[in-house]
Amino acid sequence: VMTIRGIEGFDPNDEAWGNQTSRYIEQHFNSNENAKLMLGVFDVQVDIVVTKTSSSSDTSVFKRRQRHLQDETDPKFVIVTYNQRSIYKTDDPEKFDDVYVATGPFMTRDGSEGYIDALKSLSPYYN
């Protein structure tokens, strides 16, 4: 599950978001020749399929999350539920598992901002 802030709508039938997110994760781990040493995983391949979306325009979702969003400058958001299949190599599978591959690229401010930039390049809708 991923929450994307600053947008209100999302087409769950649009494969572009899943493809862009897959590419972003793959590039995070595969773009550096020293990825194996620096990030712990390499030869990453990701496939993402969106299964469900909800947004702040959905009143039931908005009421449940309203308290959490009071401090946000932009209360619009989309919650994307998806299946992710990741294939990768690592020398330490206990430390570098599927959760690490799924969340690692988004854990730092640079990673999150890079992802937002990647989405913006996909469509002006994400601006």
Protein backbone atom coordinates (compact mmCIF):
# COMPACT_ATOMS: atom_id res chain seq x y z
CA VAL A 1 0.00 0.00 0.00
CA MET A 2 1.31 3.45 -0.91
CA THR A 3 -0.20 6.85 -0.08
CA ILE A 4 0.52 9.55 -2.64
CA ARG A 5 -0.13 13.05 -1.33
CA GLY A 6 -1.05 16.06 -3.45
CA ILE A 7 -3.28 14.29 -5.98
CA GLU A 8 -6.90 13.31 -5.69
CA GLY A 9 -7.65 10.94 -8.53
CA PHE A 10 -6.13 7.82 -9.93
CA ASP A 11 -7.17 5.41 -12.67
CA PRO A 12 -6.58 1.85 -11.37
CA ASN A 13 -6.78 0.56 -14.96
CA ASP A 14 -3.85 2.73 -16.00
CA GLU A 15 -0.70 0.60 -16.07
CA ALA A 16 1.58 3.64 -16.35
CA TRP A 17 1.83 4.20 -12.57
CA GLY A 18 2.83 0.58 -11.94
CA ASN A 19 5.34 0.64 -14.79
CA GLN A 20 6.90 3.93 -13.62
CA THR A 21 7.09 2.75 -10.01
CA SER A 22 8.66 -0.55 -11.10
CA ARG A 23 11.26 1.32 -13.17
CA TYR A 24 12.02 3.67 -10.28
CA ILE A 25 12.70 0.79 -7.88
CA GLU A 26 14.80 -1.06 -10.46
CA GLN A 27 16.87 2.05 -11.26
CA HIS A 28 17.40 2.74 -7.57
CA PHE A 29 19.11 -0.59 -7.11
CA ASN A 30 20.55 -1.25 -10.58
CA SER A 31 21.88 2.14 -11.72
CA ASN A 32 25.02 2.02 -9.60
CA GLU A 33 27.80 -0.42 -10.43
CA ASN A 34 28.52 -0.71 -6.71
CA ALA A 35 24.87 -1.39 -5.81
CA LYS A 36 25.71 -4.81 -4.43
CA LEU A 37 28.10 -3.24 -1.91
CA MET A 38 26.18 -0.02 -1.24
CA LEU A 39 22.57 -1.21 -1.22
CA GLY A 40 22.83 -4.93 -0.56
CA VAL A 41 20.79 -6.07 -3.56
CA PHE A 42 21.39 -6.09 -7.31
CA ASP A 43 19.91 -7.36 -10.59
CA VAL A 44 16.49 -6.17 -9.37
CA GLN A 45 13.40 -6.78 -11.50
CA VAL A 46 10.00 -5.52 -10.33
CA ASP A 47 6.46 -6.01 -11.61
CA ILE A 48 3.60 -4.00 -10.06
CA VAL A 49 -0.12 -4.47 -10.62
CA VAL A 50 -2.61 -2.05 -9.04
CA THR A 51 -5.50 -3.86 -7.36
CA LYS A 52 -7.42 -1.01 -5.70
CA THR A 53 -7.34 2.74 -5.17
CA SER A 54 -9.16 5.17 -2.90
CA SER A 55 -8.75 8.90 -2.46
CA SER A 56 -9.51 11.88 -0.29
CA SER A 57 -12.53 12.53 -2.50
CA ASP A 58 -14.01 9.28 -1.15
CA THR A 59 -15.84 10.58 1.92
CA SER A 60 -15.48 7.37 3.96
CA VAL A 61 -11.71 7.37 3.46
CA PHE A 62 -11.46 11.09 4.12
CA LYS A 63 -13.33 10.88 7.43
CA ARG A 64 -11.09 8.06 8.66
CA ARG A 65 -7.90 9.93 7.74
CA GLN A 66 -8.96 13.50 8.45
CA ARG A 67 -7.18 13.70 11.80
CA HIS A 68 -3.93 12.50 10.25
CA LEU A 69 -4.08 15.08 7.51
CA GLN A 70 -4.79 18.19 9.56
CA ASP A 71 -1.12 19.14 9.58
CA GLU A 72 -0.67 18.56 5.86
CA THR A 73 -0.51 21.59 3.57
CA ASP A 74 -2.40 19.72 0.84
CA PRO A 75 -5.06 17.34 2.16
CA LYS A 76 -5.51 15.55 -1.20
CA PHE A 77 -4.20 12.01 -1.39
CA VAL A 78 -4.61 8.68 -3.13
CA ILE A 79 -4.09 5.32 -1.48
CA VAL A 80 -2.89 2.70 -3.95
CA THR A 81 -3.09 -0.99 -3.10
CA TYR A 82 -0.99 -3.14 -5.38
CA ASN A 83 0.79 -6.45 -5.77
CA GLN A 84 4.54 -6.29 -6.26
CA ARG A 85 6.68 -9.15 -7.48
CA SER A 86 10.39 -8.58 -7.01
CA ILE A 87 13.25 -10.71 -8.28
CA TYR A 88 16.71 -9.78 -7.04
CA LYS A 89 20.06 -11.08 -5.89
CA THR A 90 21.64 -10.52 -2.49
CA ASP A 91 24.40 -12.01 -0.40
CA ASP A 92 22.37 -11.49 2.80
CA PRO A 93 18.72 -12.54 2.30
CA GLU A 94 17.90 -12.17 6.00
CA LYS A 95 18.86 -8.50 5.98
CA PHE A 96 17.79 -7.61 2.43
CA ASP A 97 14.32 -9.11 1.97
CA ASP A 98 11.25 -8.30 -0.17
CA VAL A 99 10.18 -5.53 2.21
CA TYR A 100 13.57 -3.85 1.82
CA VAL A 101 13.29 -3.98 -1.97
CA ALA A 102 9.73 -2.61 -1.88
CA THR A 103 10.38 0.25 0.56
CA GLY A 104 14.10 1.03 0.32
CA PRO A 105 13.92 3.48 -2.60
CA PHE A 106 11.36 5.63 -0.75
CA MET A 107 12.89 5.70 2.75
CA THR A 108 15.01 8.83 2.36
CA ARG A 109 13.95 12.36 1.49
CA ASP A 110 16.04 12.18 -1.71
CA GLY A 111 14.41 8.89 -2.62
CA SER A 112 10.89 10.22 -2.06
CA GLU A 113 11.59 13.43 -3.97
CA GLY A 114 13.19 11.46 -6.79
CA TYR A 115 10.07 9.32 -7.00
CA ILE A 116 7.84 12.40 -7.14
CA ASP A 117 10.01 13.77 -9.96
CA ALA A 118 9.66 10.43 -11.77
CA LEU A 119 5.86 10.61 -11.46
CA LYS A 120 5.86 14.21 -12.70
CA SER A 121 7.78 13.09 -15.78
CA LEU A 122 5.07 10.49 -16.35
CA SER A 123 2.17 12.91 -16.41
CA PRO A 124 1.46 16.56 -15.57
CA TYR A 125 -1.41 15.14 -13.50
CA TYR A 126 1.10 14.49 -10.70
CA ASN A 127 2.28 18.14 -10.57
